[in-house]
Amino acid sequence: MLSTDARFHLSDRDAWALTEWDMPSYKPIKDLIGDMVDAHGGAVPASEVVKKLTTNFTLKESSLRQAMSSPPFSVKNGFVRRLIDVEEEQLRQARAAQNSTGHQGSDVPTADELVADMGLDF
């Protein structure tokens, strides 16, 4: 019955709060991440996502990192972005490289670069 009463909202997986308390509303993980990406203009530090969402909700860091690095998101250089934005940026860069050199570059990232791109560097 709480879900039908506007005075209450879901504040965690199994907890409800009065709306007047101004507590953050719990949503599926991907929605929470998407809200943060949108609020930060399309790119948010992965560490900030983990810090805020594990503080506000009962979520595991491993679950957040999995969601951040799975479609519709991507983690690169420690920042979470929507995958569509990353693909558009890569396409622009590839076109620019093709125009400047006459062919597409084939830079392959190292293992260390991949780990850093996923925000897992310590």
PDB file of N, CA and C in Angstrom:
ATOM      1  N   MET A   1       0.813  -1.188   0.000  1.00  0.00           N
ATOM      2  CA  MET A   1       0.000   0.000   0.000  1.00  0.00           C
ATOM      3  C   MET A   1       0.867   1.267   0.000  1.00  0.00           C
ATOM      4  N   LEU A   2       2.106   1.144   0.503  1.00  0.00           N
ATOM      5  CA  LEU A   2       2.954   2.325   0.538  1.00  0.00           C
ATOM      6  C   LEU A   2       3.251   2.856  -0.861  1.00  0.00           C
ATOM      7  N   SER A   3       3.378   1.951  -1.820  1.00  0.00           N
ATOM      8  CA  SER A   3       3.713   2.383  -3.176  1.00  0.00           C
ATOM      9  C   SER A   3       2.616   3.225  -3.814  1.00  0.00           C
ATOM     10  N   THR A   4       1.413   3.120  -3.343  1.00  0.00           N
ATOM     11  CA  THR A   4       0.308   3.901  -3.903  1.00  0.00           C
ATOM     12  C   THR A   4       0.074   5.207  -3.144  1.00  0.00           C
ATOM     13  N   ASP A   5       0.776   5.390  -2.034  1.00  0.00           N
ATOM     14  CA  ASP A   5       0.613   6.584  -1.200  1.00  0.00           C
ATOM     15  C   ASP A   5       1.724   7.579  -1.534  1.00  0.00           C
ATOM     16  N   ALA A   6       1.374   8.752  -2.032  1.00  0.00           N
ATOM     17  CA  ALA A   6       2.349   9.763  -2.461  1.00  0.00           C
ATOM     18  C   ALA A   6       3.183  10.308  -1.305  1.00  0.00           C
ATOM     19  N   ARG A   7       2.767  10.044  -0.074  1.00  0.00           N
ATOM     20  CA  ARG A   7       3.541  10.519   1.079  1.00  0.00           C
ATOM     21  C   ARG A   7       4.810   9.696   1.302  1.00  0.00           C
ATOM     22  N   PHE A   8       4.930   8.548   0.627  1.00  0.00           N
ATOM     23  CA  PHE A   8       6.064   7.652   0.811  1.00  0.00           C
ATOM     24  C   PHE A   8       6.773   7.389  -0.502  1.00  0.00           C
ATOM     25  N   HIS A   9       8.061   7.066  -0.426  1.00  0.00           N
ATOM     26  CA  HIS A   9       8.800   6.599  -1.604  1.00  0.00           C
ATOM     27  C   HIS A   9       9.829   5.556  -1.152  1.00  0.00           C
ATOM     28  N   LEU A  10      10.239   4.746  -2.096  1.00  0.00           N
ATOM     29  CA  LEU A  10      11.228   3.712  -1.832  1.00  0.00           C
ATOM     30  C   LEU A  10      12.576   4.391  -1.642  1.00  0.00           C
ATOM     31  N   SER A  11      13.215   4.163  -0.487  1.00  0.00           N
ATOM     32  CA  SER A  11      14.488   4.822  -0.206  1.00  0.00           C
ATOM     33  C   SER A  11      15.666   3.852  -0.252  1.00  0.00           C
ATOM     34  N   ASP A  12      15.393   2.572  -0.367  1.00  0.00           N
ATOM     35  CA  ASP A  12      16.400   1.525  -0.560  1.00  0.00           C
ATOM     36  C   ASP A  12      15.648   0.293  -1.038  1.00  0.00           C
ATOM     37  N   ARG A  13      16.389  -0.768  -1.295  1.00  0.00           N
ATOM     38  CA  ARG A  13      15.732  -1.955  -1.846  1.00  0.00           C
ATOM     39  C   ARG A  13      14.523  -2.402  -1.038  1.00  0.00           C
ATOM     40  N   ASP A  14      14.627  -2.330   0.273  1.00  0.00           N
ATOM     41  CA  ASP A  14      13.532  -2.803   1.120  1.00  0.00           C
ATOM     42  C   ASP A  14      13.174  -1.802   2.219  1.00  0.00           C
ATOM     43  N   ALA A  15      13.328  -0.526   1.927  1.00  0.00           N
ATOM     44  CA  ALA A  15      13.024   0.511   2.917  1.00  0.00           C
ATOM     45  C   ALA A  15      12.211   1.634   2.279  1.00  0.00           C
ATOM     46  N   TRP A  16      11.314   2.174   3.066  1.00  0.00           N
ATOM     47  CA  TRP A  16      10.464   3.271   2.620  1.00  0.00           C
ATOM     48  C   TRP A  16      10.744   4.491   3.483  1.00  0.00           C
ATOM     49  N   ALA A  17      10.515   5.666   2.936  1.00  0.00           N
ATOM     50  CA  ALA A  17      10.712   6.907   3.674  1.00  0.00           C
ATOM     51  C   ALA A  17       9.570   7.868   3.349  1.00  0.00           C
ATOM     52  N   LEU A  18       9.328   8.765   4.275  1.00  0.00           N
ATOM     53  CA  LEU A  18       8.372   9.821   3.999  1.00  0.00           C
ATOM     54  C   LEU A  18       8.974  10.754   2.955  1.00  0.00           C
ATOM     55  N   THR A  19       8.201  11.155   1.997  1.00  0.00           N
ATOM     56  CA  THR A  19       8.667  12.043   0.939  1.00  0.00           C
ATOM     57  C   THR A  19       9.189  13.354   1.514  1.00  0.00           C
ATOM     58  N   GLU A  20       8.598  13.835   2.579  1.00  0.00           N
ATOM     59  CA  GLU A  20       9.009  15.108   3.184  1.00  0.00           C
ATOM     60  C   GLU A  20      10.420  15.045   3.773  1.00  0.00           C
ATOM     61  N   TRP A  21      10.981  13.859   3.955  1.00  0.00           N
ATOM     62  CA  TRP A  21      12.337  13.733   4.487  1.00  0.00           C
ATOM     63  C   TRP A  21      13.400  14.058   3.438  1.00  0.00           C
ATOM     64  N   ASP A  22      13.021  14.169   2.186  1.00  0.00           N
ATOM     65  CA  ASP A  22      13.936  14.487   1.083  1.00  0.00           C
ATOM     66  C   ASP A  22      15.087  13.491   0.945  1.00  0.00           C
ATOM     67  N   MET A  23      14.826  12.244   1.240  1.00  0.00           N
ATOM     68  CA  MET A  23      15.835  11.198   1.032  1.00  0.00           C
ATOM     69  C   MET A  23      15.836  10.813  -0.437  1.00  0.00           C
ATOM     70  N   PRO A  24      16.990  10.394  -0.977  1.00  0.00           N
ATOM     71  CA  PRO A  24      17.009   9.984  -2.384  1.00  0.00           C
ATOM     72  C   PRO A  24      16.113   8.765  -2.613  1.00  0.00           C
ATOM     73  N   SER A  25      15.522   8.727  -3.785  1.00  0.00           N
ATOM     74  CA  SER A  25      14.654   7.609  -4.152  1.00  0.00           C
ATOM     75  C   SER A  25      15.477   6.482  -4.742  1.00  0.00           C
ATOM     76  N   TYR A  26      15.172   5.270  -4.321  1.00  0.00           N
ATOM     77  CA  TYR A  26      15.852   4.096  -4.844  1.00  0.00           C
ATOM     78  C   TYR A  26      15.241   3.729  -6.186  1.00  0.00           C
ATOM     79  N   LYS A  27      16.115   3.393  -7.138  1.00  0.00           N
ATOM     80  CA  LYS A  27      15.717   2.944  -8.475  1.00  0.00           C
ATOM     81  C   LYS A  27      16.649   1.808  -8.851  1.00  0.00           C
ATOM     82  N   PRO A  28      16.416   1.159  -9.977  1.00  0.00           N
ATOM     83  CA  PRO A  28      17.385   0.176 -10.452  1.00  0.00           C
ATOM     84  C   PRO A  28      18.766   0.830 -10.624  1.00  0.00           C
ATOM     85  N   ILE A  29      19.820   0.064 -10.444  1.00  0.00           N
ATOM     86  CA  ILE A  29      21.197   0.579 -10.487  1.00  0.00           C
ATOM     87  C   ILE A  29      21.467   1.377 -11.757  1.00  0.00           C
ATOM     88  N   LYS A  30      21.067   0.867 -12.889  1.00  0.00           N
ATOM     89  CA  LYS A  30      21.363   1.563 -14.151  1.00  0.00           C
ATOM     90  C   LYS A  30      20.659   2.919 -14.217  1.00  0.00           C
ATOM     91  N   ASP A  31      19.486   3.024 -13.633  1.00  0.00           N
ATOM     92  CA  ASP A  31      18.788   4.307 -13.588  1.00  0.00           C
ATOM     93  C   ASP A  31      19.521   5.289 -12.677  1.00  0.00           C
ATOM     94  N   LEU A  32      20.016   4.800 -11.541  1.00  0.00           N
ATOM     95  CA  LEU A  32      20.767   5.659 -10.619  1.00  0.00           C
ATOM     96  C   LEU A  32      22.041   6.181 -11.279  1.00  0.00           C
ATOM     97  N   ILE A  33      22.754   5.291 -11.972  1.00  0.00           N
ATOM     98  CA  ILE A  33      23.983   5.695 -12.667  1.00  0.00           C
ATOM     99  C   ILE A  33      23.644   6.689 -13.776  1.00  0.00           C
ATOM    100  N   GLY A  34      22.613   6.400 -14.543  1.00  0.00           N
ATOM    101  CA  GLY A  34      22.195   7.287 -15.624  1.00  0.00           C
ATOM    102  C   GLY A  34      21.848   8.676 -15.113  1.00  0.00           C
ATOM    103  N   ASP A  35      21.178   8.747 -13.973  1.00  0.00           N
ATOM    104  CA  ASP A  35      20.842  10.048 -13.382  1.00  0.00           C
ATOM    105  C   ASP A  35      22.110  10.826 -13.038  1.00  0.00           C
ATOM    106  N   MET A  36      23.116  10.130 -12.502  1.00  0.00           N
ATOM    107  CA  MET A  36      24.366  10.809 -12.149  1.00  0.00           C
ATOM    108  C   MET A  36      25.109  11.277 -13.396  1.00  0.00           C
ATOM    109  N   VAL A  37      25.150  10.439 -14.426  1.00  0.00           N
ATOM    110  CA  VAL A  37      25.821  10.815 -15.681  1.00  0.00           C
ATOM    111  C   VAL A  37      25.137  12.055 -16.264  1.00  0.00           C
ATOM    112  N   ASP A  38      23.834  12.050 -16.291  1.00  0.00           N
ATOM    113  CA  ASP A  38      23.086  13.186 -16.833  1.00  0.00           C
ATOM    114  C   ASP A  38      23.301  14.451 -15.995  1.00  0.00           C
ATOM    115  N   ALA A  39      23.319  14.294 -14.678  1.00  0.00           N
ATOM    116  CA  ALA A  39      23.495  15.448 -13.790  1.00  0.00           C
ATOM    117  C   ALA A  39      24.886  16.062 -13.911  1.00  0.00           C
ATOM    118  N   HIS A  40      25.853  15.278 -14.377  1.00  0.00           N
ATOM    119  CA  HIS A  40      27.231  15.762 -14.522  1.00  0.00           C
ATOM    120  C   HIS A  40      27.573  16.089 -15.978  1.00  0.00           C
ATOM    121  N   GLY A  41      26.590  16.308 -16.791  1.00  0.00           N
ATOM    122  CA  GLY A  41      26.835  16.735 -18.163  1.00  0.00           C
ATOM    123  C   GLY A  41      27.361  15.651 -19.084  1.00  0.00           C
ATOM    124  N   GLY A  42      27.140  14.392 -18.755  1.00  0.00           N
ATOM    125  CA  GLY A  42      27.515  13.309 -19.660  1.00  0.00           C
ATOM    126  C   GLY A  42      28.719  12.497 -19.240  1.00  0.00           C
ATOM    127  N   ALA A  43      29.457  12.928 -18.214  1.00  0.00           N
ATOM    128  CA  ALA A  43      30.612  12.166 -17.737  1.00  0.00           C
ATOM    129  C   ALA A  43      30.798  12.426 -16.251  1.00  0.00           C
ATOM    130  N   VAL A  44      30.870  11.348 -15.478  1.00  0.00           N
ATOM    131  CA  VAL A  44      31.035  11.464 -14.031  1.00  0.00           C
ATOM    132  C   VAL A  44      32.150  10.508 -13.600  1.00  0.00           C
ATOM    133  N   PRO A  45      33.010  10.938 -12.677  1.00  0.00           N
ATOM    134  CA  PRO A  45      34.064  10.033 -12.204  1.00  0.00           C
ATOM    135  C   PRO A  45      33.467   8.761 -11.597  1.00  0.00           C
ATOM    136  N   ALA A  46      34.011   7.616 -11.976  1.00  0.00           N
ATOM    137  CA  ALA A  46      33.517   6.333 -11.464  1.00  0.00           C
ATOM    138  C   ALA A  46      33.613   6.286  -9.948  1.00  0.00           C
ATOM    139  N   SER A  47      34.674   6.856  -9.403  1.00  0.00           N
ATOM    140  CA  SER A  47      34.842   6.849  -7.944  1.00  0.00           C
ATOM    141  C   SER A  47      33.724   7.630  -7.254  1.00  0.00           C
ATOM    142  N   GLU A  48      33.252   8.691  -7.890  1.00  0.00           N
ATOM    143  CA  GLU A  48      32.163   9.488  -7.326  1.00  0.00           C
ATOM    144  C   GLU A  48      30.850   8.709  -7.361  1.00  0.00           C
ATOM    145  N   VAL A  49      30.629   7.956  -8.438  1.00  0.00           N
ATOM    146  CA  VAL A  49      29.421   7.128  -8.538  1.00  0.00           C
ATOM    147  C   VAL A  49      29.421   6.107  -7.408  1.00  0.00           C
ATOM    148  N   VAL A  50      30.551   5.426  -7.232  1.00  0.00           N
ATOM    149  CA  VAL A  50      30.653   4.399  -6.191  1.00  0.00           C
ATOM    150  C   VAL A  50      30.448   5.019  -4.815  1.00  0.00           C
ATOM    151  N   LYS A  51      31.117   6.122  -4.552  1.00  0.00           N
ATOM    152  CA  LYS A  51      31.030   6.760  -3.235  1.00  0.00           C
ATOM    153  C   LYS A  51      29.597   7.187  -2.914  1.00  0.00           C
ATOM    154  N   LYS A  52      28.966   7.877  -3.851  1.00  0.00           N
ATOM    155  CA  LYS A  52      27.624   8.401  -3.592  1.00  0.00           C
ATOM    156  C   LYS A  52      26.586   7.286  -3.472  1.00  0.00           C
ATOM    157  N   LEU A  53      26.625   6.336  -4.399  1.00  0.00           N
ATOM    158  CA  LEU A  53      25.573   5.320  -4.406  1.00  0.00           C
ATOM    159  C   LEU A  53      25.741   4.280  -3.302  1.00  0.00           C
ATOM    160  N   THR A  54      26.988   3.986  -2.890  1.00  0.00           N
ATOM    161  CA  THR A  54      27.152   3.063  -1.758  1.00  0.00           C
ATOM    162  C   THR A  54      26.841   3.761  -0.436  1.00  0.00           C
ATOM    163  N   THR A  55      26.946   5.079  -0.403  1.00  0.00           N
ATOM    164  CA  THR A  55      26.591   5.840   0.795  1.00  0.00           C
ATOM    165  C   THR A  55      25.072   5.966   0.919  1.00  0.00           C
ATOM    166  N   ASN A  56      24.406   6.264  -0.195  1.00  0.00           N
ATOM    167  CA  ASN A  56      22.961   6.504  -0.168  1.00  0.00           C
ATOM    168  C   ASN A  56      22.123   5.227  -0.140  1.00  0.00           C
ATOM    169  N   PHE A  57      22.670   4.138  -0.674  1.00  0.00           N
ATOM    170  CA  PHE A  57      21.880   2.912  -0.805  1.00  0.00           C
ATOM    171  C   PHE A  57      22.711   1.689  -0.397  1.00  0.00           C
ATOM    172  N   THR A  58      22.025   0.589  -0.165  1.00  0.00           N
ATOM    173  CA  THR A  58      22.698  -0.660   0.171  1.00  0.00           C
ATOM    174  C   THR A  58      23.087  -1.353  -1.136  1.00  0.00           C
ATOM    175  N   LEU A  59      24.164  -0.877  -1.738  1.00  0.00           N
ATOM    176  CA  LEU A  59      24.649  -1.427  -3.004  1.00  0.00           C
ATOM    177  C   LEU A  59      26.108  -1.831  -2.843  1.00  0.00           C
ATOM    178  N   LYS A  60      26.489  -2.892  -3.512  1.00  0.00           N
ATOM    179  CA  LYS A  60      27.883  -3.341  -3.470  1.00  0.00           C
ATOM    180  C   LYS A  60      28.685  -2.612  -4.543  1.00  0.00           C
ATOM    181  N   GLU A  61      29.929  -2.299  -4.211  1.00  0.00           N
ATOM    182  CA  GLU A  61      30.799  -1.644  -5.180  1.00  0.00           C
ATOM    183  C   GLU A  61      30.960  -2.499  -6.432  1.00  0.00           C
ATOM    184  N   SER A  62      31.089  -3.810  -6.248  1.00  0.00           N
ATOM    185  CA  SER A  62      31.274  -4.694  -7.408  1.00  0.00           C
ATOM    186  C   SER A  62      30.062  -4.642  -8.341  1.00  0.00           C
ATOM    187  N   SER A  63      28.871  -4.535  -7.781  1.00  0.00           N
ATOM    188  CA  SER A  63      27.654  -4.438  -8.604  1.00  0.00           C
ATOM    189  C   SER A  63      27.638  -3.129  -9.382  1.00  0.00           C
ATOM    190  N   LEU A  64      28.050  -2.059  -8.719  1.00  0.00           N
ATOM    191  CA  LEU A  64      28.095  -0.756  -9.396  1.00  0.00           C
ATOM    192  C   LEU A  64      29.123  -0.758 -10.516  1.00  0.00           C
ATOM    193  N   ARG A  65      30.314  -1.298 -10.249  1.00  0.00           N
ATOM    194  CA  ARG A  65      31.360  -1.319 -11.280  1.00  0.00           C
ATOM    195  C   ARG A  65      30.934  -2.173 -12.477  1.00  0.00           C
ATOM    196  N   GLN A  66      30.231  -3.263 -12.209  1.00  0.00           N
ATOM    197  CA  GLN A  66      29.726  -4.101 -13.299  1.00  0.00           C
ATOM    198  C   GLN A  66      28.712  -3.326 -14.135  1.00  0.00           C
ATOM    199  N   ALA A  67      27.799  -2.638 -13.470  1.00  0.00           N
ATOM    200  CA  ALA A  67      26.769  -1.871 -14.187  1.00  0.00           C
ATOM    201  C   ALA A  67      27.373  -0.704 -14.955  1.00  0.00           C
ATOM    202  N   MET A  68      28.397  -0.050 -14.374  1.00  0.00           N
ATOM    203  CA  MET A  68      29.024   1.096 -15.033  1.00  0.00           C
ATOM    204  C   MET A  68      29.775   0.687 -16.297  1.00  0.00           C
ATOM    205  N   SER A  69      30.272  -0.543 -16.311  1.00  0.00           N
ATOM    206  CA  SER A  69      31.076  -0.974 -17.454  1.00  0.00           C
ATOM    207  C   SER A  69      30.293  -1.859 -18.425  1.00  0.00           C
ATOM    208  N   SER A  70      28.981  -1.881 -18.275  1.00  0.00           N
ATOM    209  CA  SER A  70      28.116  -2.656 -19.158  1.00  0.00           C
ATOM    210  C   SER A  70      27.153  -1.712 -19.867  1.00  0.00           C
ATOM    211  N   PRO A  71      26.715  -2.093 -21.083  1.00  0.00           N
ATOM    212  CA  PRO A  71      25.759  -1.242 -21.785  1.00  0.00           C
ATOM    213  C   PRO A  71      24.559  -0.930 -20.903  1.00  0.00           C
ATOM    214  N   PRO A  72      24.103   0.289 -20.919  1.00  0.00           N
ATOM    215  CA  PRO A  72      24.360   1.370 -21.867  1.00  0.00           C
ATOM    216  C   PRO A  72      25.479   2.327 -21.437  1.00  0.00           C
ATOM    217  N   PHE A  73      26.374   1.880 -20.549  1.00  0.00           N
ATOM    218  CA  PHE A  73      27.449   2.735 -20.061  1.00  0.00           C
ATOM    219  C   PHE A  73      28.816   2.202 -20.458  1.00  0.00           C
ATOM    220  N   SER A  74      29.808   3.063 -20.304  1.00  0.00           N
ATOM    221  CA  SER A  74      31.195   2.712 -20.554  1.00  0.00           C
ATOM    222  C   SER A  74      32.049   3.501 -19.578  1.00  0.00           C
ATOM    223  N   VAL A  75      33.143   2.890 -19.118  1.00  0.00           N
ATOM    224  CA  VAL A  75      34.084   3.584 -18.251  1.00  0.00           C
ATOM    225  C   VAL A  75      35.389   3.732 -19.019  1.00  0.00           C
ATOM    226  N   LYS A  76      35.834   4.967 -19.147  1.00  0.00           N
ATOM    227  CA  LYS A  76      37.085   5.247 -19.846  1.00  0.00           C
ATOM    228  C   LYS A  76      37.803   6.353 -19.098  1.00  0.00           C
ATOM    229  N   ASN A  77      39.081   6.140 -18.838  1.00  0.00           N
ATOM    230  CA  ASN A  77      39.893   7.109 -18.097  1.00  0.00           C
ATOM    231  C   ASN A  77      39.259   7.469 -16.754  1.00  0.00           C
ATOM    232  N   GLY A  78      38.584   6.493 -16.144  1.00  0.00           N
ATOM    233  CA  GLY A  78      37.992   6.709 -14.827  1.00  0.00           C
ATOM    234  C   GLY A  78      36.664   7.439 -14.826  1.00  0.00           C
ATOM    235  N   PHE A  79      36.105   7.722 -16.012  1.00  0.00           N
ATOM    236  CA  PHE A  79      34.829   8.433 -16.110  1.00  0.00           C
ATOM    237  C   PHE A  79      33.758   7.529 -16.712  1.00  0.00           C
ATOM    238  N   VAL A  80      32.573   7.614 -16.154  1.00  0.00           N
ATOM    239  CA  VAL A  80      31.422   6.860 -16.666  1.00  0.00           C
ATOM    240  C   VAL A  80      30.691   7.747 -17.661  1.00  0.00           C
ATOM    241  N   ARG A  81      30.430   7.179 -18.829  1.00  0.00           N
ATOM    242  CA  ARG A  81      29.668   7.879 -19.875  1.00  0.00           C
ATOM    243  C   ARG A  81      28.653   6.908 -20.458  1.00  0.00           C
ATOM    244  N   ARG A  82      27.698   7.463 -21.134  1.00  0.00           N
ATOM    245  CA  ARG A  82      26.774   6.605 -21.883  1.00  0.00           C
ATOM    246  C   ARG A  82      27.531   6.055 -23.083  1.00  0.00           C
ATOM    247  N   LEU A  83      27.354   4.809 -23.378  1.00  0.00           N
ATOM    248  CA  LEU A  83      28.064   4.136 -24.455  1.00  0.00           C
ATOM    249  C   LEU A  83      27.846   4.836 -25.788  1.00  0.00           C
ATOM    250  N   ILE A  84      26.660   5.324 -26.026  1.00  0.00           N
ATOM    251  CA  ILE A  84      26.369   6.010 -27.291  1.00  0.00           C
ATOM    252  C   ILE A  84      27.254   7.241 -27.449  1.00  0.00           C
ATOM    253  N   ASP A  85      27.496   7.960 -26.337  1.00  0.00           N
ATOM    254  CA  ASP A  85      28.358   9.142 -26.390  1.00  0.00           C
ATOM    255  C   ASP A  85      29.802   8.750 -26.674  1.00  0.00           C
ATOM    256  N   VAL A  86      30.250   7.647 -26.085  1.00  0.00           N
ATOM    257  CA  VAL A  86      31.616   7.158 -26.306  1.00  0.00           C
ATOM    258  C   VAL A  86      31.787   6.734 -27.754  1.00  0.00           C
ATOM    259  N   GLU A  87      30.806   6.024 -28.287  1.00  0.00           N
ATOM    260  CA  GLU A  87      30.898   5.562 -29.673  1.00  0.00           C
ATOM    261  C   GLU A  87      30.925   6.746 -30.639  1.00  0.00           C
ATOM    262  N   GLU A  88      30.120   7.767 -30.359  1.00  0.00           N
ATOM    263  CA  GLU A  88      30.122   8.956 -31.219  1.00  0.00           C
ATOM    264  C   GLU A  88      31.473   9.661 -31.164  1.00  0.00           C
ATOM    265  N   GLU A  89      32.047   9.752 -29.975  1.00  0.00           N
ATOM    266  CA  GLU A  89      33.361  10.382 -29.821  1.00  0.00           C
ATOM    267  C   GLU A  89      34.443   9.588 -30.561  1.00  0.00           C
ATOM    268  N   GLN A  90      34.397   8.261 -30.440  1.00  0.00           N
ATOM    269  CA  GLN A  90      35.369   7.415 -31.137  1.00  0.00           C
ATOM    270  C   GLN A  90      35.224   7.543 -32.644  1.00  0.00           C
ATOM    271  N   LEU A  91      34.017   7.633 -33.125  1.00  0.00           N
ATOM    272  CA  LEU A  91      33.775   7.795 -34.552  1.00  0.00           C
ATOM    273  C   LEU A  91      34.338   9.123 -35.044  1.00  0.00           C
ATOM    274  N   ARG A  92      34.115  10.193 -34.278  1.00  0.00           N
ATOM    275  CA  ARG A  92      34.678  11.503 -34.654  1.00  0.00           C
ATOM    276  C   ARG A  92      36.207  11.451 -34.677  1.00  0.00           C
ATOM    277  N   GLN A  93      36.802  10.816 -33.670  1.00  0.00           N
ATOM    278  CA  GLN A  93      38.255  10.710 -33.605  1.00  0.00           C
ATOM    279  C   GLN A  93      38.800   9.880 -34.761  1.00  0.00           C
ATOM    280  N   ALA A  94      38.113   8.791 -35.100  1.00  0.00           N
ATOM    281  CA  ALA A  94      38.547   7.944 -36.203  1.00  0.00           C
ATOM    282  C   ALA A  94      38.478   8.693 -37.532  1.00  0.00           C
ATOM    283  N   ARG A  95      37.413   9.462 -37.703  1.00  0.00           N
ATOM    284  CA  ARG A  95      37.286  10.259 -38.938  1.00  0.00           C
ATOM    285  C   ARG A  95      38.377  11.312 -39.013  1.00  0.00           C
ATOM    286  N   ALA A  96      38.673  11.945 -37.875  1.00  0.00           N
ATOM    287  CA  ALA A  96      39.728  12.957 -37.854  1.00  0.00           C
ATOM    288  C   ALA A  96      41.081  12.321 -38.160  1.00  0.00           C
ATOM    289  N   ALA A  97      41.343  11.150 -37.587  1.00  0.00           N
ATOM    290  CA  ALA A  97      42.610  10.452 -37.851  1.00  0.00           C
ATOM    291  C   ALA A  97      42.692  10.023 -39.309  1.00  0.00           C
ATOM    292  N   GLN A  98      41.594   9.563 -39.843  1.00  0.00           N
ATOM    293  CA  GLN A  98      41.558   9.129 -41.239  1.00  0.00           C
ATOM    294  C   GLN A  98      41.801  10.322 -42.163  1.00  0.00           C
ATOM    295  N   ASN A  99      41.213  11.457 -41.838  1.00  0.00           N
ATOM    296  CA  ASN A  99      41.384  12.647 -42.663  1.00  0.00           C
ATOM    297  C   ASN A  99      42.803  13.185 -42.598  1.00  0.00           C
ATOM    298  N   SER A 100      43.441  13.071 -41.429  1.00  0.00           N
ATOM    299  CA  SER A 100      44.786  13.636 -41.285  1.00  0.00           C
ATOM    300  C   SER A 100      45.874  12.707 -41.815  1.00  0.00           C
ATOM    301  N   THR A 101      45.648  11.389 -41.774  1.00  0.00           N
ATOM    302  CA  THR A 101      46.686  10.446 -42.212  1.00  0.00           C
ATOM    303  C   THR A 101      46.315   9.698 -43.485  1.00  0.00           C
ATOM    304  N   GLY A 102      45.075   9.771 -43.836  1.00  0.00           N
ATOM    305  CA  GLY A 102      44.634   9.054 -45.020  1.00  0.00           C
ATOM    306  C   GLY A 102      44.213   7.625 -44.730  1.00  0.00           C
ATOM    307  N   HIS A 103      44.405   7.158 -43.488  1.00  0.00           N
ATOM    308  CA  HIS A 103      43.956   5.823 -43.094  1.00  0.00           C
ATOM    309  C   HIS A 103      43.660   5.825 -41.599  1.00  0.00           C
ATOM    310  N   GLN A 104      42.916   4.806 -41.134  1.00  0.00           N
ATOM    311  CA  GLN A 104      42.555   4.726 -39.727  1.00  0.00           C
ATOM    312  C   GLN A 104      43.729   4.199 -38.919  1.00  0.00           C
ATOM    313  N   GLY A 105      43.979   4.835 -37.757  1.00  0.00           N
ATOM    314  CA  GLY A 105      45.014   4.341 -36.856  1.00  0.00           C
ATOM    315  C   GLY A 105      44.536   3.069 -36.180  1.00  0.00           C
ATOM    316  N   SER A 106      45.488   2.268 -35.732  1.00  0.00           N
ATOM    317  CA  SER A 106      45.116   1.025 -35.062  1.00  0.00           C
ATOM    318  C   SER A 106      45.804   0.942 -33.710  1.00  0.00           C
ATOM    319  N   ASP A 107      45.602   1.968 -32.895  1.00  0.00           N
ATOM    320  CA  ASP A 107      46.183   1.966 -31.562  1.00  0.00           C
ATOM    321  C   ASP A 107      45.479   0.920 -30.711  1.00  0.00           C
ATOM    322  N   VAL A 108      46.248   0.014 -30.158  1.00  0.00           N
ATOM    323  CA  VAL A 108      45.710  -1.013 -29.280  1.00  0.00           C
ATOM    324  C   VAL A 108      46.140  -0.664 -27.861  1.00  0.00           C
ATOM    325  N   PRO A 109      45.180  -0.503 -26.931  1.00  0.00           N
ATOM    326  CA  PRO A 109      45.552  -0.132 -25.570  1.00  0.00           C
ATOM    327  C   PRO A 109      46.276  -1.274 -24.851  1.00  0.00           C
ATOM    328  N   THR A 110      47.157  -0.896 -23.938  1.00  0.00           N
ATOM    329  CA  THR A 110      47.847  -1.884 -23.119  1.00  0.00           C
ATOM    330  C   THR A 110      46.913  -2.342 -22.008  1.00  0.00           C
ATOM    331  N   ALA A 111      47.308  -3.398 -21.311  1.00  0.00           N
ATOM    332  CA  ALA A 111      46.506  -3.901 -20.199  1.00  0.00           C
ATOM    333  C   ALA A 111      46.371  -2.836 -19.119  1.00  0.00           C
ATOM    334  N   ASP A 112      47.455  -2.104 -18.848  1.00  0.00           N
ATOM    335  CA  ASP A 112      47.406  -1.042 -17.845  1.00  0.00           C
ATOM    336  C   ASP A 112      46.429   0.063 -18.250  1.00  0.00           C
ATOM    337  N   GLU A 113      46.404   0.407 -19.531  1.00  0.00           N
ATOM    338  CA  GLU A 113      45.473   1.425 -20.010  1.00  0.00           C
ATOM    339  C   GLU A 113      44.030   0.946 -19.884  1.00  0.00           C
ATOM    340  N   LEU A 114      43.787  -0.338 -20.171  1.00  0.00           N
ATOM    341  CA  LEU A 114      42.433  -0.887 -20.031  1.00  0.00           C
ATOM    342  C   LEU A 114      41.978  -0.848 -18.577  1.00  0.00           C
ATOM    343  N   VAL A 115      42.853  -1.221 -17.659  1.00  0.00           N
ATOM    344  CA  VAL A 115      42.515  -1.190 -16.234  1.00  0.00           C
ATOM    345  C   VAL A 115      42.220   0.240 -15.800  1.00  0.00           C
ATOM    346  N   ALA A 116      43.051   1.188 -16.236  1.00  0.00           N
ATOM    347  CA  ALA A 116      42.831   2.596 -15.888  1.00  0.00           C
ATOM    348  C   ALA A 116      41.529   3.104 -16.491  1.00  0.00           C
ATOM    349  N   ASP A 117      41.225   2.721 -17.733  1.00  0.00           N
ATOM    350  CA  ASP A 117      40.002   3.151 -18.392  1.00  0.00           C
ATOM    351  C   ASP A 117      38.758   2.661 -17.657  1.00  0.00           C
ATOM    352  N   MET A 118      38.855   1.510 -17.014  1.00  0.00           N
ATOM    353  CA  MET A 118      37.734   0.947 -16.281  1.00  0.00           C
ATOM    354  C   MET A 118      37.629   1.551 -14.883  1.00  0.00           C
ATOM    355  N   GLY A 119      38.569   2.412 -14.531  1.00  0.00           N
ATOM    356  CA  GLY A 119      38.531   3.041 -13.211  1.00  0.00           C
ATOM    357  C   GLY A 119      38.990   2.135 -12.103  1.00  0.00           C
ATOM    358  N   LEU A 120      39.748   1.090 -12.455  1.00  0.00           N
ATOM    359  CA  LEU A 120      40.186   0.119 -11.456  1.00  0.00           C
ATOM    360  C   LEU A 120      41.617   0.345 -10.988  1.00  0.00           C
ATOM    361  N   ASP A 121      42.274   1.387 -11.502  1.00  0.00           N
ATOM    362  CA  ASP A 121      43.645   1.634 -11.072  1.00  0.00           C
ATOM    363  C   ASP A 121      43.636   2.160  -9.644  1.00  0.00           C
ATOM    364  N   PHE A 122      44.637   1.750  -8.905  1.00  0.00           N
ATOM    365  CA  PHE A 122      44.670   2.093  -7.473  1.00  0.00           C
ATOM    366  C   PHE A 122      45.773   3.042  -7.181  1.00  0.00           C
TER     367      PHE A 122
END
